[in-house]
Amino acid sequence: MFDDLVEAQFWLRSLVSICGRGQAGRLGQAADELDAAVAAIAWSEQATASSARLDLPETIRVVGACAREDLGGLPSQLAGGSN
């Protein structure tokens, strides 16, 4: 699981660097929160995802909302629609 979290950190930081200006702040905050949770897990023998306040569903929600705003809505392939 830790490797997956580190990969998520990488991709979220990459997204922050290329997203629209209107989304950079919210995505940056989500990335900061993910970074803090991963650091707490890595540096504390007693830490768990919940004690580190890791809220992946909220992070995913923020990324999705920012993507929809940048794209002006989800492309039909992502929304489950037909082409």
C-alpha atoms as a PDB file:
ATOM      1  CA  MET A   1       0.000   0.000   0.000  1.00  0.00           C
ATOM      2  CA  PHE A   2       2.812   2.426   0.812  1.00  0.00           C
ATOM      3  CA  ASP A   3       4.225   2.194  -2.735  1.00  0.00           C
ATOM      4  CA  ASP A   4       0.788   3.049  -4.120  1.00  0.00           C
ATOM      5  CA  LEU A   5       0.536   6.082  -1.845  1.00  0.00           C
ATOM      6  CA  VAL A   6       3.952   7.326  -2.941  1.00  0.00           C
ATOM      7  CA  GLU A   7       2.942   6.895  -6.579  1.00  0.00           C
ATOM      8  CA  ALA A   8      -0.266   8.825  -5.878  1.00  0.00           C
ATOM      9  CA  GLN A   9       1.847  11.616  -4.383  1.00  0.00           C
ATOM     10  CA  PHE A  10       3.970  11.758  -7.542  1.00  0.00           C
ATOM     11  CA  TRP A  11       0.979  11.904  -9.874  1.00  0.00           C
ATOM     12  CA  LEU A  12      -0.901  14.432  -7.780  1.00  0.00           C
ATOM     13  CA  ARG A  13       2.144  16.736  -7.654  1.00  0.00           C
ATOM     14  CA  SER A  14       2.556  16.286 -11.414  1.00  0.00           C
ATOM     15  CA  LEU A  15      -1.094  17.233 -11.883  1.00  0.00           C
ATOM     16  CA  VAL A  16      -0.633  20.364  -9.775  1.00  0.00           C
ATOM     17  CA  SER A  17       2.205  21.468 -12.051  1.00  0.00           C
ATOM     18  CA  ILE A  18       0.111  21.243 -15.246  1.00  0.00           C
ATOM     19  CA  CYS A  19      -3.444  22.030 -14.129  1.00  0.00           C
ATOM     20  CA  GLY A  20      -5.315  25.235 -14.776  1.00  0.00           C
ATOM     21  CA  ARG A  21      -4.622  28.193 -12.514  1.00  0.00           C
ATOM     22  CA  GLY A  22      -8.085  27.958 -11.020  1.00  0.00           C
ATOM     23  CA  GLN A  23      -7.405  24.424  -9.790  1.00  0.00           C
ATOM     24  CA  ALA A  24      -3.799  24.738  -8.591  1.00  0.00           C
ATOM     25  CA  GLY A  25      -4.677  25.887  -5.076  1.00  0.00           C
ATOM     26  CA  ARG A  26      -7.186  23.157  -4.328  1.00  0.00           C
ATOM     27  CA  LEU A  27      -5.047  20.444  -5.895  1.00  0.00           C
ATOM     28  CA  GLY A  28      -2.003  21.751  -4.048  1.00  0.00           C
ATOM     29  CA  GLN A  29      -3.881  21.579  -0.753  1.00  0.00           C
ATOM     30  CA  ALA A  30      -5.002  18.006  -1.500  1.00  0.00           C
ATOM     31  CA  ALA A  31      -1.388  17.126  -2.359  1.00  0.00           C
ATOM     32  CA  ASP A  32      -0.147  18.713   0.883  1.00  0.00           C
ATOM     33  CA  GLU A  33      -2.664  16.692   2.901  1.00  0.00           C
ATOM     34  CA  LEU A  34      -1.680  13.474   1.120  1.00  0.00           C
ATOM     35  CA  ASP A  35       2.009  14.261   1.682  1.00  0.00           C
ATOM     36  CA  ALA A  36       1.414  14.814   5.418  1.00  0.00           C
ATOM     37  CA  ALA A  37      -0.523  11.574   5.767  1.00  0.00           C
ATOM     38  CA  VAL A  38       2.143   9.567   3.935  1.00  0.00           C
ATOM     39  CA  ALA A  39       4.887  11.173   6.041  1.00  0.00           C
ATOM     40  CA  ALA A  40       3.008  10.311   9.235  1.00  0.00           C
ATOM     41  CA  ILE A  41       2.669   6.710   8.107  1.00  0.00           C
ATOM     42  CA  ALA A  42       6.329   6.520   7.117  1.00  0.00           C
ATOM     43  CA  TRP A  43       7.762   8.075  10.287  1.00  0.00           C
ATOM     44  CA  SER A  44       5.486   6.656  12.959  1.00  0.00           C
ATOM     45  CA  GLU A  45       5.594   2.996  13.871  1.00  0.00           C
ATOM     46  CA  GLN A  46       2.137   3.319  15.407  1.00  0.00           C
ATOM     47  CA  ALA A  47       0.571   5.285  12.547  1.00  0.00           C
ATOM     48  CA  THR A  48      -2.202   3.915  10.414  1.00  0.00           C
ATOM     49  CA  ALA A  49      -3.996   5.495   7.496  1.00  0.00           C
ATOM     50  CA  SER A  50      -6.820   6.628   9.760  1.00  0.00           C
ATOM     51  CA  SER A  51      -4.573   8.054  12.471  1.00  0.00           C
ATOM     52  CA  ALA A  52      -2.683   9.997   9.810  1.00  0.00           C
ATOM     53  CA  ARG A  53      -6.007  11.470   8.658  1.00  0.00           C
ATOM     54  CA  LEU A  54      -5.644   9.975   5.222  1.00  0.00           C
ATOM     55  CA  ASP A  55      -8.849  10.816   3.385  1.00  0.00           C
ATOM     56  CA  LEU A  56      -8.404   9.279  -0.047  1.00  0.00           C
ATOM     57  CA  PRO A  57     -12.068   9.627  -1.036  1.00  0.00           C
ATOM     58  CA  GLU A  58     -11.860  13.381  -0.413  1.00  0.00           C
ATOM     59  CA  THR A  59      -8.597  13.627  -2.362  1.00  0.00           C
ATOM     60  CA  ILE A  60     -10.193  11.757  -5.263  1.00  0.00           C
ATOM     61  CA  ARG A  61     -13.254  14.026  -5.092  1.00  0.00           C
ATOM     62  CA  VAL A  62     -11.083  17.153  -5.287  1.00  0.00           C
ATOM     63  CA  VAL A  63      -9.077  15.790  -8.232  1.00  0.00           C
ATOM     64  CA  GLY A  64     -12.267  14.826 -10.072  1.00  0.00           C
ATOM     65  CA  ALA A  65     -13.934  18.183  -9.458  1.00  0.00           C
ATOM     66  CA  CYS A  66     -10.856  20.068 -10.629  1.00  0.00           C
ATOM     67  CA  ALA A  67     -10.587  17.896 -13.738  1.00  0.00           C
ATOM     68  CA  ARG A  68     -14.240  18.572 -14.617  1.00  0.00           C
ATOM     69  CA  GLU A  69     -13.701  22.316 -14.186  1.00  0.00           C
ATOM     70  CA  ASP A  70     -10.534  22.282 -16.308  1.00  0.00           C
ATOM     71  CA  LEU A  71     -12.172  20.189 -19.030  1.00  0.00           C
ATOM     72  CA  GLY A  72     -15.563  21.861 -18.897  1.00  0.00           C
ATOM     73  CA  GLY A  73     -17.201  18.551 -17.979  1.00  0.00           C
ATOM     74  CA  LEU A  74     -16.138  14.968 -18.271  1.00  0.00           C
ATOM     75  CA  PRO A  75     -15.397  13.582 -21.716  1.00  0.00           C
ATOM     76  CA  SER A  76     -18.021  11.007 -22.696  1.00  0.00           C
ATOM     77  CA  GLN A  77     -15.538   8.132 -22.311  1.00  0.00           C
ATOM     78  CA  LEU A  78     -14.969   9.031 -18.639  1.00  0.00           C
ATOM     79  CA  ALA A  79     -18.615   9.734 -17.915  1.00  0.00           C
ATOM     80  CA  GLY A  80     -19.723   6.341 -19.202  1.00  0.00           C
ATOM     81  CA  GLY A  81     -21.480   7.810 -22.228  1.00  0.00           C
ATOM     82  CA  SER A  82     -21.204   6.701 -25.814  1.00  0.00           C
ATOM     83  CA  ASN A  83     -19.216   8.464 -28.536  1.00  0.00           C
END
